[in-house]
Amino acid sequence: NPTSYEIFSKEFLGDLITPLNGEKYTNGRKESDPVFDTYPLIIAYCQDAKDVVLAIKFATAQEIPICARAGGHSTAGFSVIKNGIVIDVSRIRGIFISPETMRGTIGAGVNWGDFNHALDGFALHTPGGSCPSVGCTGFSLGGGYGYTAMKYGMA
């Protein structure tokens, strides 16, 4: 529905990429493994949680399939969806470590390299990915394991 898309695009703070965006679309739809060649309707690069909510509400109202992408390293090709909306949270990258509680809160787009760098400043560790560009969100939700998983458990 063009009217619904216009309303959605005016409220959305991030970038909405469609096949009309040429090279931005071509690059945005690529998976980490080139064997997957998938064409979504929209790639929604979210700036914040409100953008995520807007994208989900729009997709749900239009009955468009959704897939979430944080780091884009899905070896099974789950980072892009055919004829759907890719809700990309890679720009939501805040990291906060509390010196009082020694606990951290991270944005959905943070990767292991940035997270580990922040943890190092507090002499903290979490079992995580061995590749610094892997997204923390997908890795954690996918039950991944890293070099220290045998000692500390899965992410």
N, C-alpha and C. Protein backbone atom coordinates (compact mmCIF):
# COMPACT_ATOMS: atom_id res chain seq x y z
N ASN A 1 0.85 -1.17 0.00
CA ASN A 1 0.00 0.00 0.00
C ASN A 1 0.90 1.25 0.00
N PRO A 2 0.92 2.01 -1.08
CA PRO A 2 1.80 3.18 -1.18
C PRO A 2 1.58 4.22 -0.09
N THR A 3 0.33 4.45 0.31
CA THR A 3 0.05 5.44 1.36
C THR A 3 0.65 5.00 2.68
N SER A 4 0.48 3.74 3.03
CA SER A 4 1.06 3.21 4.28
C SER A 4 2.57 3.33 4.25
N TYR A 5 3.18 3.03 3.11
CA TYR A 5 4.65 3.13 3.00
C TYR A 5 5.10 4.58 3.16
N GLU A 6 4.37 5.52 2.60
CA GLU A 6 4.73 6.94 2.73
C GLU A 6 4.68 7.38 4.19
N ILE A 7 3.65 6.97 4.90
CA ILE A 7 3.54 7.31 6.33
C ILE A 7 4.69 6.68 7.10
N PHE A 8 4.93 5.39 6.84
CA PHE A 8 6.02 4.67 7.49
C PHE A 8 7.35 5.35 7.23
N SER A 9 7.63 5.70 5.99
CA SER A 9 8.93 6.28 5.63
C SER A 9 9.13 7.67 6.23
N LYS A 10 8.06 8.40 6.48
CA LYS A 10 8.19 9.73 7.10
C LYS A 10 8.53 9.63 8.59
N GLU A 11 8.02 8.60 9.24
CA GLU A 11 8.27 8.41 10.68
C GLU A 11 9.60 7.72 10.95
N PHE A 12 10.07 6.95 10.00
CA PHE A 12 11.28 6.12 10.16
C PHE A 12 12.52 7.02 10.11
N LEU A 13 13.38 6.95 11.14
CA LEU A 13 14.58 7.79 11.20
C LEU A 13 15.74 7.25 10.36
N GLY A 14 15.84 5.94 10.28
CA GLY A 14 16.95 5.32 9.55
C GLY A 14 16.73 5.39 8.04
N ASP A 15 17.40 4.51 7.33
CA ASP A 15 17.30 4.46 5.87
C ASP A 15 16.46 3.27 5.43
N LEU A 16 15.56 3.53 4.50
CA LEU A 16 14.77 2.47 3.89
C LEU A 16 15.30 2.27 2.47
N ILE A 17 15.80 1.08 2.21
CA ILE A 17 16.43 0.78 0.92
C ILE A 17 15.53 -0.21 0.18
N THR A 18 15.25 0.10 -1.07
CA THR A 18 14.44 -0.76 -1.94
C THR A 18 15.22 -1.03 -3.22
N PRO A 19 14.70 -1.90 -4.08
CA PRO A 19 15.39 -2.15 -5.35
C PRO A 19 15.62 -0.87 -6.17
N LEU A 20 14.84 0.16 -5.92
CA LEU A 20 15.02 1.43 -6.64
C LEU A 20 16.29 2.17 -6.23
N ASN A 21 16.93 1.73 -5.13
CA ASN A 21 18.14 2.37 -4.64
C ASN A 21 19.43 1.81 -5.24
N GLY A 22 19.32 0.99 -6.27
CA GLY A 22 20.48 0.52 -7.02
C GLY A 22 21.55 -0.17 -6.19
N GLU A 23 22.75 0.42 -6.19
CA GLU A 23 23.91 -0.21 -5.54
C GLU A 23 23.72 -0.36 -4.03
N LYS A 24 23.05 0.60 -3.39
CA LYS A 24 22.78 0.47 -1.95
C LYS A 24 21.95 -0.78 -1.68
N TYR A 25 20.99 -1.04 -2.54
CA TYR A 25 20.15 -2.24 -2.39
C TYR A 25 20.98 -3.49 -2.68
N THR A 26 21.73 -3.47 -3.75
CA THR A 26 22.56 -4.62 -4.12
C THR A 26 23.51 -4.99 -2.99
N ASN A 27 24.17 -4.01 -2.42
CA ASN A 27 25.10 -4.27 -1.31
C ASN A 27 24.35 -4.66 -0.03
N GLY A 28 23.22 -4.05 0.23
CA GLY A 28 22.46 -4.33 1.44
C GLY A 28 21.82 -5.69 1.49
N ARG A 29 21.53 -6.27 0.35
CA ARG A 29 20.87 -7.57 0.33
C ARG A 29 21.85 -8.74 0.35
N LYS A 30 23.15 -8.46 0.23
CA LYS A 30 24.15 -9.52 0.20
C LYS A 30 24.30 -10.20 1.55
N GLU A 31 24.43 -11.50 1.50
CA GLU A 31 24.71 -12.30 2.69
C GLU A 31 26.22 -12.45 2.83
N SER A 32 26.66 -12.94 3.99
CA SER A 32 28.09 -13.18 4.16
C SER A 32 28.56 -14.33 3.28
N ASP A 33 27.66 -15.22 2.90
CA ASP A 33 27.98 -16.32 2.01
C ASP A 33 27.27 -16.05 0.67
N PRO A 34 28.03 -15.88 -0.41
CA PRO A 34 27.42 -15.53 -1.70
C PRO A 34 26.53 -16.62 -2.30
N VAL A 35 26.50 -17.82 -1.71
CA VAL A 35 25.63 -18.87 -2.22
C VAL A 35 24.16 -18.46 -2.06
N PHE A 36 23.89 -17.57 -1.09
CA PHE A 36 22.52 -17.08 -0.87
C PHE A 36 22.32 -15.81 -1.69
N ASP A 37 21.34 -15.83 -2.56
CA ASP A 37 21.07 -14.72 -3.47
C ASP A 37 19.60 -14.34 -3.32
N THR A 38 19.30 -13.58 -2.28
CA THR A 38 17.93 -13.31 -1.88
C THR A 38 17.56 -11.85 -2.12
N TYR A 39 16.31 -11.62 -2.52
CA TYR A 39 15.84 -10.28 -2.86
C TYR A 39 14.68 -9.85 -1.96
N PRO A 40 14.98 -9.04 -0.92
CA PRO A 40 13.90 -8.52 -0.08
C PRO A 40 13.18 -7.35 -0.75
N LEU A 41 12.01 -7.02 -0.25
CA LEU A 41 11.29 -5.84 -0.73
C LEU A 41 11.92 -4.56 -0.19
N ILE A 42 12.25 -4.60 1.11
CA ILE A 42 12.79 -3.41 1.79
C ILE A 42 13.88 -3.85 2.75
N ILE A 43 14.92 -3.05 2.84
CA ILE A 43 15.92 -3.20 3.89
C ILE A 43 15.78 -1.97 4.77
N ALA A 44 15.36 -2.18 6.01
CA ALA A 44 15.13 -1.08 6.95
C ALA A 44 16.31 -0.98 7.91
N TYR A 45 17.20 -0.01 7.68
CA TYR A 45 18.34 0.23 8.56
C TYR A 45 17.87 1.10 9.72
N CYS A 46 17.62 0.47 10.86
CA CYS A 46 17.05 1.15 12.02
C CYS A 46 18.10 1.97 12.77
N GLN A 47 17.68 3.16 13.22
CA GLN A 47 18.55 4.03 14.03
C GLN A 47 18.35 3.80 15.52
N ASP A 48 17.16 3.33 15.89
CA ASP A 48 16.85 3.15 17.30
C ASP A 48 15.70 2.14 17.46
N ALA A 49 15.32 1.90 18.70
CA ALA A 49 14.26 0.92 18.98
C ALA A 49 12.93 1.34 18.37
N LYS A 50 12.66 2.64 18.32
CA LYS A 50 11.40 3.10 17.73
C LYS A 50 11.33 2.70 16.26
N ASP A 51 12.45 2.79 15.54
CA ASP A 51 12.48 2.36 14.14
C ASP A 51 12.15 0.88 14.01
N VAL A 52 12.66 0.08 14.93
CA VAL A 52 12.38 -1.36 14.91
C VAL A 52 10.88 -1.60 15.08
N VAL A 53 10.28 -0.92 16.04
CA VAL A 53 8.84 -1.05 16.28
C VAL A 53 8.05 -0.61 15.05
N LEU A 54 8.43 0.51 14.46
CA LEU A 54 7.73 1.01 13.26
C LEU A 54 7.82 -0.01 12.12
N ALA A 55 8.99 -0.59 11.92
CA ALA A 55 9.17 -1.57 10.84
C ALA A 55 8.33 -2.82 11.08
N ILE A 56 8.30 -3.28 12.31
CA ILE A 56 7.50 -4.46 12.63
C ILE A 56 6.01 -4.17 12.44
N LYS A 57 5.56 -3.03 12.92
CA LYS A 57 4.14 -2.67 12.76
C LYS A 57 3.77 -2.53 11.29
N PHE A 58 4.63 -1.88 10.50
CA PHE A 58 4.35 -1.73 9.08
C PHE A 58 4.27 -3.09 8.40
N ALA A 59 5.27 -3.92 8.64
CA ALA A 59 5.30 -5.25 8.00
C ALA A 59 4.09 -6.09 8.41
N THR A 60 3.73 -6.04 9.67
CA THR A 60 2.59 -6.81 10.17
C THR A 60 1.29 -6.32 9.53
N ALA A 61 1.11 -5.02 9.47
CA ALA A 61 -0.11 -4.46 8.88
C ALA A 61 -0.23 -4.79 7.39
N GLN A 62 0.91 -4.87 6.71
CA GLN A 62 0.91 -5.15 5.27
C GLN A 62 1.05 -6.65 4.97
N GLU A 63 1.16 -7.45 6.04
CA GLU A 63 1.34 -8.91 5.92
C GLU A 63 2.58 -9.26 5.09
N ILE A 64 3.66 -8.56 5.40
CA ILE A 64 4.95 -8.78 4.72
C ILE A 64 5.85 -9.54 5.69
N PRO A 65 6.50 -10.62 5.24
CA PRO A 65 7.40 -11.37 6.12
C PRO A 65 8.57 -10.51 6.60
N ILE A 66 9.06 -10.84 7.78
CA ILE A 66 10.14 -10.09 8.43
C ILE A 66 11.33 -11.00 8.70
N CYS A 67 12.51 -10.44 8.60
CA CYS A 67 13.69 -11.10 9.17
C CYS A 67 14.52 -10.02 9.83
N ALA A 68 15.17 -10.37 10.92
CA ALA A 68 16.03 -9.44 11.65
C ALA A 68 17.48 -9.73 11.30
N ARG A 69 18.26 -8.65 11.20
CA ARG A 69 19.69 -8.79 10.90
C ARG A 69 20.46 -7.84 11.80
N ALA A 70 21.49 -8.41 12.46
CA ALA A 70 22.35 -7.58 13.30
C ALA A 70 23.73 -7.46 12.65
N GLY A 71 24.43 -8.59 12.55
CA GLY A 71 25.77 -8.56 11.97
C GLY A 71 25.82 -9.07 10.53
N GLY A 72 24.80 -9.84 10.15
CA GLY A 72 24.75 -10.35 8.78
C GLY A 72 25.66 -11.53 8.51
N HIS A 73 26.01 -12.26 9.56
CA HIS A 73 26.92 -13.40 9.41
C HIS A 73 26.21 -14.75 9.40
N SER A 74 24.95 -14.80 9.13
CA SER A 74 24.23 -16.07 9.18
C SER A 74 24.75 -17.04 8.13
N THR A 75 25.37 -18.10 8.59
CA THR A 75 25.90 -19.10 7.65
C THR A 75 24.79 -19.91 7.02
N ALA A 76 23.58 -19.81 7.56
CA ALA A 76 22.43 -20.52 6.99
C ALA A 76 21.59 -19.62 6.08
N GLY A 77 22.02 -18.38 5.89
CA GLY A 77 21.30 -17.47 5.01
C GLY A 77 20.08 -16.82 5.62
N PHE A 78 20.05 -16.70 6.94
CA PHE A 78 18.88 -16.14 7.61
C PHE A 78 18.90 -14.61 7.75
N SER A 79 19.91 -13.94 7.21
CA SER A 79 20.03 -12.49 7.38
C SER A 79 19.24 -11.68 6.36
N VAL A 80 18.68 -12.35 5.36
CA VAL A 80 17.87 -11.69 4.33
C VAL A 80 16.68 -12.59 4.03
N ILE A 81 15.54 -11.98 3.68
CA ILE A 81 14.33 -12.75 3.41
C ILE A 81 13.78 -12.37 2.04
N LYS A 82 13.35 -13.35 1.29
CA LYS A 82 12.78 -13.11 -0.03
C LYS A 82 11.43 -12.42 0.09
N ASN A 83 11.26 -11.34 -0.67
CA ASN A 83 10.00 -10.59 -0.72
C ASN A 83 9.50 -10.15 0.65
N GLY A 84 10.42 -9.83 1.53
CA GLY A 84 10.05 -9.39 2.87
C GLY A 84 10.81 -8.15 3.26
N ILE A 85 10.77 -7.84 4.55
CA ILE A 85 11.49 -6.69 5.09
C ILE A 85 12.62 -7.19 5.97
N VAL A 86 13.82 -6.75 5.67
CA VAL A 86 14.98 -7.01 6.51
C VAL A 86 15.04 -5.87 7.52
N ILE A 87 14.89 -6.19 8.78
CA ILE A 87 15.00 -5.18 9.84
C ILE A 87 16.44 -5.25 10.35
N ASP A 88 17.24 -4.32 9.86
CA ASP A 88 18.68 -4.31 10.14
C ASP A 88 18.95 -3.39 11.32
N VAL A 89 19.50 -3.97 12.39
CA VAL A 89 19.76 -3.21 13.61
C VAL A 89 21.25 -2.91 13.80
N SER A 90 22.02 -3.06 12.74
CA SER A 90 23.48 -2.89 12.84
C SER A 90 23.90 -1.49 13.26
N ARG A 91 23.04 -0.50 13.14
CA ARG A 91 23.38 0.87 13.53
C ARG A 91 23.08 1.16 15.00
N ILE A 92 22.42 0.24 15.68
CA ILE A 92 22.10 0.42 17.10
C ILE A 92 23.25 -0.19 17.89
N ARG A 93 24.28 0.63 18.15
CA ARG A 93 25.57 0.11 18.58
C ARG A 93 26.05 0.62 19.94
N GLY A 94 25.17 1.11 20.77
CA GLY A 94 25.60 1.61 22.07
C GLY A 94 26.10 0.50 22.98
N ILE A 95 27.10 0.84 23.78
CA ILE A 95 27.65 -0.09 24.78
C ILE A 95 27.78 0.67 26.09
N PHE A 96 27.22 0.12 27.15
CA PHE A 96 27.34 0.72 28.48
C PHE A 96 27.77 -0.36 29.46
N ILE A 97 28.86 -0.13 30.16
CA ILE A 97 29.33 -1.02 31.22
C ILE A 97 29.25 -0.25 32.53
N SER A 98 28.53 -0.79 33.49
CA SER A 98 28.41 -0.14 34.80
C SER A 98 29.58 -0.53 35.68
N PRO A 99 30.39 0.45 36.10
CA PRO A 99 31.50 0.13 37.01
C PRO A 99 31.02 -0.35 38.38
N GLU A 100 29.80 0.06 38.76
CA GLU A 100 29.28 -0.35 40.07
C GLU A 100 28.84 -1.81 40.07
N THR A 101 28.11 -2.23 39.04
CA THR A 101 27.58 -3.59 39.01
C THR A 101 28.42 -4.54 38.17
N MET A 102 29.33 -3.97 37.36
CA MET A 102 30.16 -4.75 36.44
C MET A 102 29.28 -5.56 35.47
N ARG A 103 28.19 -4.95 35.05
CA ARG A 103 27.30 -5.54 34.06
C ARG A 103 27.23 -4.60 32.86
N GLY A 104 26.99 -5.21 31.73
CA GLY A 104 26.93 -4.43 30.51
C GLY A 104 25.59 -4.51 29.81
N THR A 105 25.28 -3.45 29.08
CA THR A 105 24.10 -3.40 28.23
C THR A 105 24.59 -2.96 26.86
N ILE A 106 24.15 -3.68 25.83
CA ILE A 106 24.62 -3.34 24.48
C ILE A 106 23.44 -3.20 23.53
N GLY A 107 23.66 -2.41 22.50
CA GLY A 107 22.67 -2.27 21.44
C GLY A 107 22.66 -3.52 20.57
N ALA A 108 21.57 -3.72 19.87
CA ALA A 108 21.38 -4.92 19.06
C ALA A 108 22.37 -5.04 17.91
N GLY A 109 23.02 -3.94 17.52
CA GLY A 109 23.95 -3.99 16.40
C GLY A 109 25.42 -4.09 16.77
N VAL A 110 25.71 -4.24 18.05
CA VAL A 110 27.10 -4.32 18.49
C VAL A 110 27.73 -5.63 18.04
N ASN A 111 28.97 -5.56 17.59
CA ASN A 111 29.69 -6.79 17.22
C ASN A 111 30.65 -7.18 18.35
N TRP A 112 31.17 -8.42 18.25
CA TRP A 112 32.01 -8.95 19.33
C TRP A 112 33.30 -8.17 19.49
N GLY A 113 33.86 -7.67 18.41
CA GLY A 113 35.10 -6.91 18.52
C GLY A 113 34.92 -5.67 19.37
N ASP A 114 33.86 -4.89 19.09
CA ASP A 114 33.59 -3.68 19.87
C ASP A 114 33.22 -4.00 21.31
N PHE A 115 32.42 -5.06 21.50
CA PHE A 115 32.01 -5.44 22.85
C PHE A 115 33.21 -5.89 23.67
N ASN A 116 34.05 -6.73 23.10
CA ASN A 116 35.24 -7.19 23.82
C ASN A 116 36.18 -6.04 24.15
N HIS A 117 36.31 -5.09 23.24
CA HIS A 117 37.14 -3.92 23.51
C HIS A 117 36.62 -3.16 24.73
N ALA A 118 35.31 -2.97 24.80
CA ALA A 118 34.71 -2.29 25.95
C ALA A 118 34.90 -3.10 27.24
N LEU A 119 34.72 -4.42 27.15
CA LEU A 119 34.89 -5.27 28.33
C LEU A 119 36.32 -5.25 28.85
N ASP A 120 37.28 -5.18 27.94
CA ASP A 120 38.70 -5.18 28.34
C ASP A 120 39.01 -4.05 29.31
N GLY A 121 38.37 -2.90 29.13
CA GLY A 121 38.61 -1.77 30.01
C GLY A 121 38.18 -2.01 31.44
N PHE A 122 37.38 -3.04 31.67
CA PHE A 122 36.90 -3.38 33.01
C PHE A 122 37.39 -4.76 33.45
N ALA A 123 38.29 -5.35 32.67
CA ALA A 123 38.82 -6.69 32.93
C ALA A 123 37.68 -7.72 33.01
N LEU A 124 36.69 -7.56 32.14
CA LEU A 124 35.54 -8.48 32.08
C LEU A 124 35.64 -9.34 30.83
N HIS A 125 34.88 -10.44 30.85
CA HIS A 125 34.86 -11.36 29.72
C HIS A 125 33.48 -11.99 29.61
N THR A 126 33.09 -12.31 28.40
CA THR A 126 31.90 -13.10 28.16
C THR A 126 32.22 -14.07 27.03
N PRO A 127 31.73 -15.30 27.09
CA PRO A 127 32.00 -16.22 25.99
C PRO A 127 31.30 -15.70 24.73
N GLY A 128 32.07 -15.51 23.71
CA GLY A 128 31.48 -14.95 22.50
C GLY A 128 32.17 -15.43 21.25
N GLY A 129 31.88 -14.75 20.18
CA GLY A 129 32.39 -15.12 18.87
C GLY A 129 33.89 -14.96 18.76
N SER A 130 34.49 -15.79 17.93
CA SER A 130 35.92 -15.70 17.70
C SER A 130 36.25 -14.74 16.56
N CYS A 131 35.24 -14.30 15.84
CA CYS A 131 35.41 -13.35 14.75
C CYS A 131 34.88 -11.99 15.22
N PRO A 132 35.72 -10.95 15.23
CA PRO A 132 35.29 -9.68 15.80
C PRO A 132 34.13 -9.00 15.06
N SER A 133 33.89 -9.35 13.81
CA SER A 133 32.81 -8.68 13.08
C SER A 133 31.46 -9.38 13.22
N VAL A 134 31.41 -10.50 13.94
CA VAL A 134 30.15 -11.20 14.17
C VAL A 134 29.30 -10.39 15.14
N GLY A 135 28.02 -10.24 14.83
CA GLY A 135 27.11 -9.50 15.69
C GLY A 135 26.77 -10.27 16.96
N CYS A 136 26.76 -9.58 18.09
CA CYS A 136 26.45 -10.21 19.38
C CYS A 136 25.02 -10.76 19.41
N THR A 137 24.08 -10.04 18.82
CA THR A 137 22.67 -10.44 18.89
C THR A 137 22.43 -11.78 18.20
N GLY A 138 22.79 -11.88 16.94
CA GLY A 138 22.57 -13.12 16.21
C GLY A 138 23.34 -14.28 16.79
N PHE A 139 24.57 -14.00 17.20
CA PHE A 139 25.41 -15.03 17.79
C PHE A 139 24.77 -15.58 19.06
N SER A 140 24.30 -14.68 19.92
CA SER A 140 23.68 -15.11 21.18
C SER A 140 22.37 -15.84 20.96
N LEU A 141 21.54 -15.33 20.06
CA LEU A 141 20.25 -15.97 19.80
C LEU A 141 20.42 -17.30 19.09
N GLY A 142 21.48 -17.42 18.31
CA GLY A 142 21.74 -18.66 17.58
C GLY A 142 22.47 -19.71 18.40
N GLY A 143 22.79 -19.38 19.66
CA GLY A 143 23.43 -20.36 20.54
C GLY A 143 24.88 -20.64 20.18
N GLY A 144 25.56 -19.64 19.64
CA GLY A 144 26.95 -19.82 19.22
C GLY A 144 27.89 -20.05 20.39
N TYR A 145 29.07 -20.48 20.03
CA TYR A 145 30.09 -20.68 21.06
C TYR A 145 31.41 -20.11 20.55
N GLY A 146 32.23 -19.73 21.51
CA GLY A 146 33.53 -19.14 21.21
C GLY A 146 34.64 -19.93 21.89
N TYR A 147 35.81 -19.32 21.91
CA TYR A 147 37.00 -19.99 22.44
C TYR A 147 36.86 -20.38 23.91
N THR A 148 36.12 -19.63 24.69
CA THR A 148 36.04 -19.92 26.12
C THR A 148 34.71 -20.56 26.53
N ALA A 149 33.94 -21.03 25.58
CA ALA A 149 32.64 -21.63 25.90
C ALA A 149 32.78 -22.88 26.76
N MET A 150 33.83 -23.64 26.56
CA MET A 150 34.02 -24.87 27.37
C MET A 150 34.16 -24.52 28.84
N LYS A 151 34.78 -23.39 29.14
CA LYS A 151 34.99 -23.00 30.53
C LYS A 151 33.81 -22.22 31.11
N TYR A 152 33.23 -21.30 30.30
CA TYR A 152 32.22 -20.38 30.82
C TYR A 152 30.81 -20.64 30.31
N GLY A 153 30.65 -21.52 29.34
CA GLY A 153 29.32 -21.81 28.81
C GLY A 153 29.07 -21.09 27.50
N MET A 154 27.91 -21.37 26.94
CA MET A 154 27.52 -20.79 25.66
C MET A 154 27.12 -19.32 25.84
N ALA A 155 27.14 -18.60 24.75
CA ALA A 155 26.73 -17.19 24.79
C ALA A 155 25.24 -17.10 25.02
